Amino acid sequence: MNEQDEYDVKESPETLPYYRQTEDFGGGHIKARHGRLPHWLLAVYVILFLWALYYGWTYWGGLGPGLELAG
């Protein structure tokens, strides 16, 4: 039994866990199910957000390159 067969099991929606329930769109041509966010993808989001904060703080300050007030 492969992974696809696990999702093709015909059970009533009440007996399936929430993340295994599917919704049909487009007359049954598109099937969507609620999934879980992988831990590695969550880590990538956090790293990119922290990098964006660092970049914004470091490089987006002042008037811009060469426009500093002479003082």
PDB file of N, CA and C in Angstrom:
ATOM      1  N   MET A   1       0.850  -1.170   0.000  1.00  0.00           N
ATOM      2  CA  MET A   1       0.000   0.000   0.000  1.00  0.00           C
ATOM      3  C   MET A   1       0.899   1.237   0.000  1.00  0.00           C
ATOM      4  N   ASN A   2       0.779   2.055  -1.021  1.00  0.00           N
ATOM      5  CA  ASN A   2       1.601   3.261  -1.076  1.00  0.00           C
ATOM      6  C   ASN A   2       0.870   4.435  -0.437  1.00  0.00           C
ATOM      7  N   GLU A   3       1.534   5.585  -0.416  1.00  0.00           N
ATOM      8  CA  GLU A   3       0.978   6.746   0.281  1.00  0.00           C
ATOM      9  C   GLU A   3      -0.321   7.216  -0.363  1.00  0.00           C
ATOM     10  N   GLN A   4      -0.403   7.150  -1.685  1.00  0.00           N
ATOM     11  CA  GLN A   4      -1.614   7.599  -2.375  1.00  0.00           C
ATOM     12  C   GLN A   4      -2.809   6.738  -1.978  1.00  0.00           C
ATOM     13  N   ASP A   5      -2.599   5.440  -1.811  1.00  0.00           N
ATOM     14  CA  ASP A   5      -3.696   4.552  -1.433  1.00  0.00           C
ATOM     15  C   ASP A   5      -4.257   4.915  -0.067  1.00  0.00           C
ATOM     16  N   GLU A   6      -3.426   5.429   0.813  1.00  0.00           N
ATOM     17  CA  GLU A   6      -3.899   5.794   2.146  1.00  0.00           C
ATOM     18  C   GLU A   6      -4.934   6.904   2.070  1.00  0.00           C
ATOM     19  N   TYR A   7      -4.767   7.826   1.113  1.00  0.00           N
ATOM     20  CA  TYR A   7      -5.687   8.948   1.010  1.00  0.00           C
ATOM     21  C   TYR A   7      -6.909   8.630   0.179  1.00  0.00           C
ATOM     22  N   ASP A   8      -6.877   7.549  -0.554  1.00  0.00           N
ATOM     23  CA  ASP A   8      -8.016   7.161  -1.383  1.00  0.00           C
ATOM     24  C   ASP A   8      -9.019   6.288  -0.633  1.00  0.00           C
ATOM     25  N   VAL A   9      -8.747   5.972   0.610  1.00  0.00           N
ATOM     26  CA  VAL A   9      -9.652   5.134   1.389  1.00  0.00           C
ATOM     27  C   VAL A   9     -10.980   5.863   1.547  1.00  0.00           C
ATOM     28  N   LYS A  10     -12.057   5.181   1.205  1.00  0.00           N
ATOM     29  CA  LYS A  10     -13.379   5.794   1.274  1.00  0.00           C
ATOM     30  C   LYS A  10     -13.954   5.606   2.679  1.00  0.00           C
ATOM     31  N   GLU A  11     -13.781   6.629   3.493  1.00  0.00           N
ATOM     32  CA  GLU A  11     -14.346   6.629   4.838  1.00  0.00           C
ATOM     33  C   GLU A  11     -15.233   7.846   4.956  1.00  0.00           C
ATOM     34  N   SER A  12     -16.151   7.811   5.873  1.00  0.00           N
ATOM     35  CA  SER A  12     -16.999   8.980   6.071  1.00  0.00           C
ATOM     36  C   SER A  12     -16.168  10.103   6.690  1.00  0.00           C
ATOM     37  N   PRO A  13     -16.484  11.347   6.354  1.00  0.00           N
ATOM     38  CA  PRO A  13     -15.698  12.473   6.870  1.00  0.00           C
ATOM     39  C   PRO A  13     -15.673  12.545   8.394  1.00  0.00           C
ATOM     40  N   GLU A  14     -16.671  11.983   9.043  1.00  0.00           N
ATOM     41  CA  GLU A  14     -16.708  12.043  10.506  1.00  0.00           C
ATOM     42  C   GLU A  14     -15.653  11.151  11.155  1.00  0.00           C
ATOM     43  N   THR A  15     -15.252  10.076  10.466  1.00  0.00           N
ATOM     44  CA  THR A  15     -14.292   9.149  11.067  1.00  0.00           C
ATOM     45  C   THR A  15     -12.847   9.509  10.747  1.00  0.00           C
ATOM     46  N   LEU A  16     -12.635  10.348   9.732  1.00  0.00           N
ATOM     47  CA  LEU A  16     -11.280  10.747   9.367  1.00  0.00           C
ATOM     48  C   LEU A  16     -10.797  11.882  10.273  1.00  0.00           C
ATOM     49  N   PRO A  17      -9.512  11.921  10.572  1.00  0.00           N
ATOM     50  CA  PRO A  17      -8.980  13.078  11.295  1.00  0.00           C
ATOM     51  C   PRO A  17      -9.117  14.335  10.436  1.00  0.00           C
ATOM     52  N   TYR A  18      -9.115  15.497  11.059  1.00  0.00           N
ATOM     53  CA  TYR A  18      -9.323  16.758  10.358  1.00  0.00           C
ATOM     54  C   TYR A  18      -8.321  16.962   9.223  1.00  0.00           C
ATOM     55  N   TYR A  19      -7.064  16.625   9.457  1.00  0.00           N
ATOM     56  CA  TYR A  19      -6.042  16.863   8.443  1.00  0.00           C
ATOM     57  C   TYR A  19      -6.113  15.880   7.280  1.00  0.00           C
ATOM     58  N   ARG A  20      -6.915  14.844   7.372  1.00  0.00           N
ATOM     59  CA  ARG A  20      -7.065  13.881   6.275  1.00  0.00           C
ATOM     60  C   ARG A  20      -8.346  14.104   5.468  1.00  0.00           C
ATOM     61  N   GLN A  21      -9.242  14.965   5.937  1.00  0.00           N
ATOM     62  CA  GLN A  21     -10.482  15.230   5.222  1.00  0.00           C
ATOM     63  C   GLN A  21     -10.183  16.047   3.971  1.00  0.00           C
ATOM     64  N   THR A  22     -10.876  15.741   2.888  1.00  0.00           N
ATOM     65  CA  THR A  22     -10.642  16.458   1.630  1.00  0.00           C
ATOM     66  C   THR A  22     -11.872  17.264   1.243  1.00  0.00           C
ATOM     67  N   GLU A  23     -11.609  18.310   0.462  1.00  0.00           N
ATOM     68  CA  GLU A  23     -12.677  19.122  -0.123  1.00  0.00           C
ATOM     69  C   GLU A  23     -12.513  19.041  -1.632  1.00  0.00           C
ATOM     70  N   ASP A  24     -13.627  18.966  -2.356  1.00  0.00           N
ATOM     71  CA  ASP A  24     -13.595  18.878  -3.810  1.00  0.00           C
ATOM     72  C   ASP A  24     -13.993  20.218  -4.416  1.00  0.00           C
ATOM     73  N   PHE A  25     -13.249  20.625  -5.445  1.00  0.00           N
ATOM     74  CA  PHE A  25     -13.541  21.846  -6.184  1.00  0.00           C
ATOM     75  C   PHE A  25     -13.530  21.524  -7.666  1.00  0.00           C
ATOM     76  N   GLY A  26     -14.189  22.345  -8.448  1.00  0.00           N
ATOM     77  CA  GLY A  26     -14.178  22.174  -9.899  1.00  0.00           C
ATOM     78  C   GLY A  26     -14.813  20.873 -10.340  1.00  0.00           C
ATOM     79  N   GLY A  27     -15.889  20.499  -9.711  1.00  0.00           N
ATOM     80  CA  GLY A  27     -16.570  19.269 -10.105  1.00  0.00           C
ATOM     81  C   GLY A  27     -15.781  18.012  -9.789  1.00  0.00           C
ATOM     82  N   GLY A  28     -14.911  18.053  -8.799  1.00  0.00           N
ATOM     83  CA  GLY A  28     -14.142  16.884  -8.412  1.00  0.00           C
ATOM     84  C   GLY A  28     -12.780  16.790  -9.081  1.00  0.00           C
ATOM     85  N   HIS A  29     -12.430  17.769  -9.928  1.00  0.00           N
ATOM     86  CA  HIS A  29     -11.128  17.750 -10.601  1.00  0.00           C
ATOM     87  C   HIS A  29     -10.002  18.203  -9.676  1.00  0.00           C
ATOM     88  N   ILE A  30     -10.345  19.010  -8.677  1.00  0.00           N
ATOM     89  CA  ILE A  30      -9.348  19.513  -7.732  1.00  0.00           C
ATOM     90  C   ILE A  30      -9.740  19.041  -6.345  1.00  0.00           C
ATOM     91  N   LYS A  31      -8.794  18.398  -5.663  1.00  0.00           N
ATOM     92  CA  LYS A  31      -9.029  17.957  -4.293  1.00  0.00           C
ATOM     93  C   LYS A  31      -8.018  18.641  -3.390  1.00  0.00           C
ATOM     94  N   ALA A  32      -8.509  19.176  -2.289  1.00  0.00           N
ATOM     95  CA  ALA A  32      -7.633  19.863  -1.344  1.00  0.00           C
ATOM     96  C   ALA A  32      -7.846  19.262   0.031  1.00  0.00           C
ATOM     97  N   ARG A  33      -6.770  19.188   0.786  1.00  0.00           N
ATOM     98  CA  ARG A  33      -6.885  18.728   2.163  1.00  0.00           C
ATOM     99  C   ARG A  33      -6.044  19.634   3.046  1.00  0.00           C
ATOM    100  N   HIS A  34      -6.404  19.717   4.289  1.00  0.00           N
ATOM    101  CA  HIS A  34      -5.654  20.528   5.235  1.00  0.00           C
ATOM    102  C   HIS A  34      -4.413  19.755   5.647  1.00  0.00           C
ATOM    103  N   GLY A  35      -3.284  20.388   5.499  1.00  0.00           N
ATOM    104  CA  GLY A  35      -2.025  19.727   5.833  1.00  0.00           C
ATOM    105  C   GLY A  35      -1.349  20.389   7.012  1.00  0.00           C
ATOM    106  N   ARG A  36      -0.259  19.809   7.391  1.00  0.00           N
ATOM    107  CA  ARG A  36       0.535  20.343   8.485  1.00  0.00           C
ATOM    108  C   ARG A  36       1.752  21.050   7.902  1.00  0.00           C
ATOM    109  N   LEU A  37       2.204  22.076   8.571  1.00  0.00           N
ATOM    110  CA  LEU A  37       3.379  22.814   8.139  1.00  0.00           C
ATOM    111  C   LEU A  37       4.616  22.070   8.623  1.00  0.00           C
ATOM    112  N   PRO A  38       5.497  21.656   7.702  1.00  0.00           N
ATOM    113  CA  PRO A  38       6.705  20.942   8.118  1.00  0.00           C
ATOM    114  C   PRO A  38       7.595  21.834   8.987  1.00  0.00           C
ATOM    115  N   HIS A  39       8.296  21.224   9.925  1.00  0.00           N
ATOM    116  CA  HIS A  39       9.157  21.986  10.843  1.00  0.00           C
ATOM    117  C   HIS A  39      10.271  22.706  10.099  1.00  0.00           C
ATOM    118  N   TRP A  40      10.828  22.093   9.061  1.00  0.00           N
ATOM    119  CA  TRP A  40      11.912  22.740   8.341  1.00  0.00           C
ATOM    120  C   TRP A  40      11.419  23.986   7.619  1.00  0.00           C
ATOM    121  N   LEU A  41      10.177  23.962   7.108  1.00  0.00           N
ATOM    122  CA  LEU A  41       9.639  25.133   6.424  1.00  0.00           C
ATOM    123  C   LEU A  41       9.361  26.253   7.415  1.00  0.00           C
ATOM    124  N   LEU A  42       8.882  25.910   8.582  1.00  0.00           N
ATOM    125  CA  LEU A  42       8.681  26.903   9.632  1.00  0.00           C
ATOM    126  C   LEU A  42      10.011  27.545  10.019  1.00  0.00           C
ATOM    127  N   ALA A  43      11.067  26.751  10.099  1.00  0.00           N
ATOM    128  CA  ALA A  43      12.400  27.285  10.411  1.00  0.00           C
ATOM    129  C   ALA A  43      12.874  28.238   9.314  1.00  0.00           C
ATOM    130  N   VAL A  44      12.608  27.913   8.053  1.00  0.00           N
ATOM    131  CA  VAL A  44      12.985  28.798   6.950  1.00  0.00           C
ATOM    132  C   VAL A  44      12.241  30.124   7.062  1.00  0.00           C
ATOM    133  N   TYR A  45      10.955  30.086   7.389  1.00  0.00           N
ATOM    134  CA  TYR A  45      10.180  31.323   7.554  1.00  0.00           C
ATOM    135  C   TYR A  45      10.764  32.193   8.668  1.00  0.00           C
ATOM    136  N   VAL A  46      11.114  31.570   9.783  1.00  0.00           N
ATOM    137  CA  VAL A  46      11.668  32.320  10.907  1.00  0.00           C
ATOM    138  C   VAL A  46      13.010  32.939  10.534  1.00  0.00           C
ATOM    139  N   ILE A  47      13.868  32.165   9.874  1.00  0.00           N
ATOM    140  CA  ILE A  47      15.189  32.675   9.477  1.00  0.00           C
ATOM    141  C   ILE A  47      15.047  33.835   8.495  1.00  0.00           C
ATOM    142  N   LEU A  48      14.161  33.708   7.513  1.00  0.00           N
ATOM    143  CA  LEU A  48      13.962  34.792   6.553  1.00  0.00           C
ATOM    144  C   LEU A  48      13.397  36.041   7.216  1.00  0.00           C
ATOM    145  N   PHE A  49      12.512  35.875   8.164  1.00  0.00           N
ATOM    146  CA  PHE A  49      11.954  37.025   8.882  1.00  0.00           C
ATOM    147  C   PHE A  49      13.041  37.726   9.690  1.00  0.00           C
ATOM    148  N   LEU A  50      13.865  36.952  10.387  1.00  0.00           N
ATOM    149  CA  LEU A  50      14.951  37.553  11.164  1.00  0.00           C
ATOM    150  C   LEU A  50      15.962  38.240  10.258  1.00  0.00           C
ATOM    151  N   TRP A  51      16.262  37.648   9.108  1.00  0.00           N
ATOM    152  CA  TRP A  51      17.169  38.280   8.156  1.00  0.00           C
ATOM    153  C   TRP A  51      16.579  39.594   7.639  1.00  0.00           C
ATOM    154  N   ALA A  52      15.279  39.620   7.380  1.00  0.00           N
ATOM    155  CA  ALA A  52      14.626  40.831   6.901  1.00  0.00           C
ATOM    156  C   ALA A  52      14.709  41.939   7.957  1.00  0.00           C
ATOM    157  N   LEU A  53      14.528  41.588   9.223  1.00  0.00           N
ATOM    158  CA  LEU A  53      14.676  42.580  10.290  1.00  0.00           C
ATOM    159  C   LEU A  53      16.100  43.117  10.345  1.00  0.00           C
ATOM    160  N   TYR A  54      17.087  42.240  10.266  1.00  0.00           N
ATOM    161  CA  TYR A  54      18.490  42.655  10.278  1.00  0.00           C
ATOM    162  C   TYR A  54      18.793  43.561   9.091  1.00  0.00           C
ATOM    163  N   TYR A  55      18.362  43.155   7.900  1.00  0.00           N
ATOM    164  CA  TYR A  55      18.629  43.925   6.687  1.00  0.00           C
ATOM    165  C   TYR A  55      17.978  45.303   6.777  1.00  0.00           C
ATOM    166  N   GLY A  56      16.733  45.335   7.224  1.00  0.00           N
ATOM    167  CA  GLY A  56      16.035  46.611   7.350  1.00  0.00           C
ATOM    168  C   GLY A  56      16.699  47.532   8.350  1.00  0.00           C
ATOM    169  N   TRP A  57      17.140  46.986   9.444  1.00  0.00           N
ATOM    170  CA  TRP A  57      17.788  47.790  10.479  1.00  0.00           C
ATOM    171  C   TRP A  57      19.164  48.276  10.014  1.00  0.00           C
ATOM    172  N   THR A  58      19.910  47.439   9.331  1.00  0.00           N
ATOM    173  CA  THR A  58      21.284  47.759   8.945  1.00  0.00           C
ATOM    174  C   THR A  58      21.363  48.651   7.710  1.00  0.00           C
ATOM    175  N   TYR A  59      20.586  48.368   6.679  1.00  0.00           N
ATOM    176  CA  TYR A  59      20.772  49.030   5.394  1.00  0.00           C
ATOM    177  C   TYR A  59      19.695  50.037   5.019  1.00  0.00           C
ATOM    178  N   TRP A  60      18.564  50.098   5.701  1.00  0.00           N
ATOM    179  CA  TRP A  60      17.509  51.017   5.320  1.00  0.00           C
ATOM    180  C   TRP A  60      17.396  52.192   6.278  1.00  0.00           C
ATOM    181  N   GLY A  61      18.487  52.620   6.843  1.00  0.00           N
ATOM    182  CA  GLY A  61      18.456  53.762   7.752  1.00  0.00           C
ATOM    183  C   GLY A  61      18.956  55.009   7.057  1.00  0.00           C
ATOM    184  N   GLY A  62      18.622  56.166   7.595  1.00  0.00           N
ATOM    185  CA  GLY A  62      19.141  57.429   7.076  1.00  0.00           C
ATOM    186  C   GLY A  62      18.516  57.846   5.765  1.00  0.00           C
ATOM    187  N   LEU A  63      19.210  58.753   5.073  1.00  0.00           N
ATOM    188  CA  LEU A  63      18.712  59.305   3.827  1.00  0.00           C
ATOM    189  C   LEU A  63      19.094  58.484   2.604  1.00  0.00           C
ATOM    190  N   GLY A  64      19.992  57.579   2.748  1.00  0.00           N
ATOM    191  CA  GLY A  64      20.448  56.778   1.631  1.00  0.00           C
ATOM    192  C   GLY A  64      21.920  56.983   1.394  1.00  0.00           C
ATOM    193  N   PRO A  65      22.524  56.193   0.519  1.00  0.00           N
ATOM    194  CA  PRO A  65      23.963  56.300   0.284  1.00  0.00           C
ATOM    195  C   PRO A  65      24.321  57.631  -0.382  1.00  0.00           C
ATOM    196  N   GLY A  66      25.297  58.332   0.204  1.00  0.00           N
ATOM    197  CA  GLY A  66      25.781  59.599  -0.348  1.00  0.00           C
ATOM    198  C   GLY A  66      24.919  60.791  -0.046  1.00  0.00           C
ATOM    199  N   LEU A  67      23.830  60.611   0.702  1.00  0.00           N
ATOM    200  CA  LEU A  67      22.920  61.716   0.991  1.00  0.00           C
ATOM    201  C   LEU A  67      22.985  62.158   2.453  1.00  0.00           C
ATOM    202  N   GLU A  68      23.969  61.702   3.163  1.00  0.00           N
ATOM    203  CA  GLU A  68      24.100  62.077   4.576  1.00  0.00           C
ATOM    204  C   GLU A  68      24.355  63.588   4.671  1.00  0.00           C
ATOM    205  N   LEU A  69      23.813  64.183   5.709  1.00  0.00           N
ATOM    206  CA  LEU A  69      24.030  65.613   5.934  1.00  0.00           C
ATOM    207  C   LEU A  69      25.461  65.822   6.390  1.00  0.00           C
ATOM    208  N   ALA A  70      26.126  66.790   5.785  1.00  0.00           N
ATOM    209  CA  ALA A  70      27.521  67.080   6.175  1.00  0.00           C
ATOM    210  C   ALA A  70      27.490  67.792   7.521  1.00  0.00           C
ATOM    211  N   GLY A  71      28.228  67.265   8.439  1.00  0.00           N
ATOM    212  CA  GLY A  71      28.169  67.896   9.755  1.00  0.00           C
ATOM    213  C   GLY A  71      29.391  67.786  10.440  1.00  0.00           C
TER     214      GLY A  71
END
